[in-house]
Amino acid sequence: MLTAMCVCVYICGQSSVVGLSKLLVREKADTRDSRGIYLICQNQLSPEMYEFVCPSVNHRQLCIQKIRDAIAHSSTQGLVLC
Protein backbone atom coordinates (compact mmCIF):
# COMPACT_ATOMS: atom_id res chain seq x y z
CA MET A 1 0.00 0.00 0.00
CA LEU A 2 1.27 3.43 -0.91
CA THR A 3 0.96 5.84 1.98
CA ALA A 4 2.55 9.26 2.02
CA MET A 5 1.89 12.82 2.88
CA CYS A 6 0.99 14.81 -0.21
CA VAL A 7 1.00 18.54 -0.70
CA CYS A 8 -1.29 19.67 -3.50
CA VAL A 9 -0.83 23.06 -5.06
CA TYR A 10 -3.37 24.65 -7.40
CA ILE A 11 -1.69 26.26 -10.39
CA CYS A 12 -3.81 28.78 -12.28
CA GLY A 13 -5.22 27.32 -15.45
CA GLN A 14 -4.04 23.77 -14.81
CA SER A 15 -6.20 20.81 -13.92
CA SER A 16 -5.67 19.04 -10.62
CA VAL A 17 -6.68 15.78 -12.33
CA VAL A 18 -4.16 14.07 -14.58
CA GLY A 19 -5.52 11.57 -17.09
CA LEU A 20 -3.83 8.20 -17.49
CA SER A 21 -4.42 7.44 -21.16
CA LYS A 22 -1.65 9.67 -22.53
CA LEU A 23 0.53 9.98 -19.44
CA LEU A 24 4.30 9.53 -19.41
CA VAL A 25 6.15 8.96 -16.13
CA ARG A 26 9.84 9.89 -16.00
CA GLU A 27 12.44 9.94 -13.28
CA LYS A 28 14.19 13.23 -12.72
CA ALA A 29 17.81 12.32 -13.45
CA ASP A 30 19.74 15.43 -12.53
CA THR A 31 21.60 13.80 -9.61
CA ARG A 32 22.42 10.30 -8.40
CA ASP A 33 20.00 10.54 -5.48
CA SER A 34 17.26 12.51 -7.18
CA ARG A 35 13.81 12.11 -5.64
CA GLY A 36 11.89 13.82 -8.44
CA ILE A 37 9.25 12.47 -10.80
CA TYR A 38 7.93 14.12 -13.96
CA LEU A 39 4.38 13.40 -15.09
CA ILE A 40 3.82 14.47 -18.68
CA CYS A 41 0.30 14.51 -20.12
CA GLN A 42 0.51 14.32 -23.91
CA ASN A 43 -2.91 15.83 -24.59
CA GLN A 44 -2.61 17.58 -27.98
CA LEU A 45 -4.92 20.42 -26.97
CA SER A 46 -3.18 21.28 -23.72
CA PRO A 47 -0.05 19.25 -22.91
CA GLU A 48 1.09 19.65 -19.32
CA MET A 49 4.08 18.63 -17.21
CA TYR A 50 4.11 18.21 -13.45
CA GLU A 51 7.10 17.68 -11.17
CA PHE A 52 6.78 15.85 -7.87
CA VAL A 53 9.44 15.40 -5.19
CA CYS A 54 9.27 12.28 -3.03
CA PRO A 55 10.63 11.95 0.50
CA SER A 56 13.19 9.29 -0.55
CA VAL A 57 14.61 7.53 -3.60
CA ASN A 58 12.88 4.29 -2.55
CA HIS A 59 9.56 6.09 -2.22
CA ARG A 60 10.07 7.60 -5.69
CA GLN A 61 10.54 4.12 -7.16
CA LEU A 62 7.40 2.89 -5.40
CA CYS A 63 5.37 5.86 -6.69
CA ILE A 64 6.62 5.38 -10.25
CA GLN A 65 5.72 1.69 -10.17
CA LYS A 66 2.23 2.37 -8.76
CA ILE A 67 1.54 5.05 -11.39
CA ARG A 68 2.77 2.80 -14.20
CA ASP A 69 0.61 -0.04 -12.87
CA ALA A 70 -2.42 2.30 -12.87
CA ILE A 71 -1.66 3.34 -16.47
CA ALA A 72 -1.35 -0.30 -17.57
CA HIS A 73 -4.54 -1.26 -15.72
CA SER A 74 -6.52 1.62 -17.26
CA SER A 75 -5.42 0.68 -20.78
CA THR A 76 -6.38 -2.99 -20.29
CA GLN A 77 -9.78 -1.97 -18.95
CA GLY A 78 -10.47 0.29 -21.92
CA LEU A 79 -10.79 3.43 -19.81
CA VAL A 80 -10.23 6.80 -21.44
CA LEU A 81 -9.35 9.35 -18.78
CA CYS A 82 -7.41 12.07 -20.57
C-alpha atoms as a PDB file:
ATOM      1  CA  MET A   1       0.000   0.000   0.000  1.00  0.00           C
ATOM      2  CA  LEU A   2       1.271   3.435  -0.912  1.00  0.00           C
ATOM      3  CA  THR A   3       0.962   5.838   1.981  1.00  0.00           C
ATOM      4  CA  ALA A   4       2.547   9.256   2.022  1.00  0.00           C
ATOM      5  CA  MET A   5       1.890  12.825   2.879  1.00  0.00           C
ATOM      6  CA  CYS A   6       0.987  14.813  -0.209  1.00  0.00           C
ATOM      7  CA  VAL A   7       0.996  18.541  -0.696  1.00  0.00           C
ATOM      8  CA  CYS A   8      -1.292  19.672  -3.502  1.00  0.00           C
ATOM      9  CA  VAL A   9      -0.831  23.065  -5.058  1.00  0.00           C
ATOM     10  CA  TYR A  10      -3.367  24.645  -7.402  1.00  0.00           C
ATOM     11  CA  ILE A  11      -1.693  26.260 -10.389  1.00  0.00           C
ATOM     12  CA  CYS A  12      -3.813  28.776 -12.278  1.00  0.00           C
ATOM     13  CA  GLY A  13      -5.220  27.324 -15.452  1.00  0.00           C
ATOM     14  CA  GLN A  14      -4.043  23.769 -14.814  1.00  0.00           C
ATOM     15  CA  SER A  15      -6.195  20.812 -13.922  1.00  0.00           C
ATOM     16  CA  SER A  16      -5.672  19.041 -10.618  1.00  0.00           C
ATOM     17  CA  VAL A  17      -6.684  15.781 -12.327  1.00  0.00           C
ATOM     18  CA  VAL A  18      -4.160  14.072 -14.582  1.00  0.00           C
ATOM     19  CA  GLY A  19      -5.515  11.571 -17.094  1.00  0.00           C
ATOM     20  CA  LEU A  20      -3.830   8.204 -17.487  1.00  0.00           C
ATOM     21  CA  SER A  21      -4.419   7.439 -21.162  1.00  0.00           C
ATOM     22  CA  LYS A  22      -1.654   9.674 -22.529  1.00  0.00           C
ATOM     23  CA  LEU A  23       0.534   9.981 -19.442  1.00  0.00           C
ATOM     24  CA  LEU A  24       4.304   9.531 -19.409  1.00  0.00           C
ATOM     25  CA  VAL A  25       6.150   8.964 -16.133  1.00  0.00           C
ATOM     26  CA  ARG A  26       9.839   9.889 -16.001  1.00  0.00           C
ATOM     27  CA  GLU A  27      12.439   9.944 -13.283  1.00  0.00           C
ATOM     28  CA  LYS A  28      14.193  13.232 -12.723  1.00  0.00           C
ATOM     29  CA  ALA A  29      17.805  12.321 -13.453  1.00  0.00           C
ATOM     30  CA  ASP A  30      19.745  15.433 -12.527  1.00  0.00           C
ATOM     31  CA  THR A  31      21.601  13.798  -9.610  1.00  0.00           C
ATOM     32  CA  ARG A  32      22.421  10.305  -8.400  1.00  0.00           C
ATOM     33  CA  ASP A  33      20.001  10.542  -5.476  1.00  0.00           C
ATOM     34  CA  SER A  34      17.257  12.515  -7.179  1.00  0.00           C
ATOM     35  CA  ARG A  35      13.808  12.107  -5.640  1.00  0.00           C
ATOM     36  CA  GLY A  36      11.894  13.815  -8.438  1.00  0.00           C
ATOM     37  CA  ILE A  37       9.250  12.474 -10.805  1.00  0.00           C
ATOM     38  CA  TYR A  38       7.931  14.125 -13.957  1.00  0.00           C
ATOM     39  CA  LEU A  39       4.380  13.395 -15.085  1.00  0.00           C
ATOM     40  CA  ILE A  40       3.815  14.471 -18.682  1.00  0.00           C
ATOM     41  CA  CYS A  41       0.296  14.509 -20.123  1.00  0.00           C
ATOM     42  CA  GLN A  42       0.508  14.322 -23.911  1.00  0.00           C
ATOM     43  CA  ASN A  43      -2.905  15.831 -24.594  1.00  0.00           C
ATOM     44  CA  GLN A  44      -2.612  17.578 -27.984  1.00  0.00           C
ATOM     45  CA  LEU A  45      -4.924  20.424 -26.972  1.00  0.00           C
ATOM     46  CA  SER A  46      -3.179  21.276 -23.721  1.00  0.00           C
ATOM     47  CA  PRO A  47      -0.055  19.251 -22.910  1.00  0.00           C
ATOM     48  CA  GLU A  48       1.093  19.654 -19.318  1.00  0.00           C
ATOM     49  CA  MET A  49       4.076  18.630 -17.215  1.00  0.00           C
ATOM     50  CA  TYR A  50       4.113  18.214 -13.450  1.00  0.00           C
ATOM     51  CA  GLU A  51       7.097  17.679 -11.174  1.00  0.00           C
ATOM     52  CA  PHE A  52       6.782  15.853  -7.866  1.00  0.00           C
ATOM     53  CA  VAL A  53       9.442  15.399  -5.193  1.00  0.00           C
ATOM     54  CA  CYS A  54       9.267  12.284  -3.032  1.00  0.00           C
ATOM     55  CA  PRO A  55      10.630  11.946   0.504  1.00  0.00           C
ATOM     56  CA  SER A  56      13.189   9.293  -0.548  1.00  0.00           C
ATOM     57  CA  VAL A  57      14.606   7.531  -3.602  1.00  0.00           C
ATOM     58  CA  ASN A  58      12.876   4.295  -2.551  1.00  0.00           C
ATOM     59  CA  HIS A  59       9.556   6.094  -2.223  1.00  0.00           C
ATOM     60  CA  ARG A  60      10.069   7.598  -5.686  1.00  0.00           C
ATOM     61  CA  GLN A  61      10.541   4.124  -7.162  1.00  0.00           C
ATOM     62  CA  LEU A  62       7.398   2.892  -5.403  1.00  0.00           C
ATOM     63  CA  CYS A  63       5.375   5.859  -6.690  1.00  0.00           C
ATOM     64  CA  ILE A  64       6.622   5.379 -10.246  1.00  0.00           C
ATOM     65  CA  GLN A  65       5.716   1.686 -10.167  1.00  0.00           C
ATOM     66  CA  LYS A  66       2.229   2.372  -8.758  1.00  0.00           C
ATOM     67  CA  ILE A  67       1.536   5.051 -11.389  1.00  0.00           C
ATOM     68  CA  ARG A  68       2.775   2.801 -14.205  1.00  0.00           C
ATOM     69  CA  ASP A  69       0.609  -0.036 -12.869  1.00  0.00           C
ATOM     70  CA  ALA A  70      -2.418   2.299 -12.875  1.00  0.00           C
ATOM     71  CA  ILE A  71      -1.662   3.337 -16.474  1.00  0.00           C
ATOM     72  CA  ALA A  72      -1.354  -0.296 -17.574  1.00  0.00           C
ATOM     73  CA  HIS A  73      -4.544  -1.257 -15.720  1.00  0.00           C
ATOM     74  CA  SER A  74      -6.520   1.618 -17.262  1.00  0.00           C
ATOM     75  CA  SER A  75      -5.417   0.681 -20.784  1.00  0.00           C
ATOM     76  CA  THR A  76      -6.376  -2.993 -20.294  1.00  0.00           C
ATOM     77  CA  GLN A  77      -9.779  -1.970 -18.950  1.00  0.00           C
ATOM     78  CA  GLY A  78     -10.473   0.286 -21.918  1.00  0.00           C
ATOM     79  CA  LEU A  79     -10.788   3.426 -19.806  1.00  0.00           C
ATOM     80  CA  VAL A  80     -10.230   6.795 -21.441  1.00  0.00           C
ATOM     81  CA  LEU A  81      -9.346   9.353 -18.785  1.00  0.00           C
ATOM     82  CA  CYS A  82      -7.408  12.072 -20.573  1.00  0.00           C
END
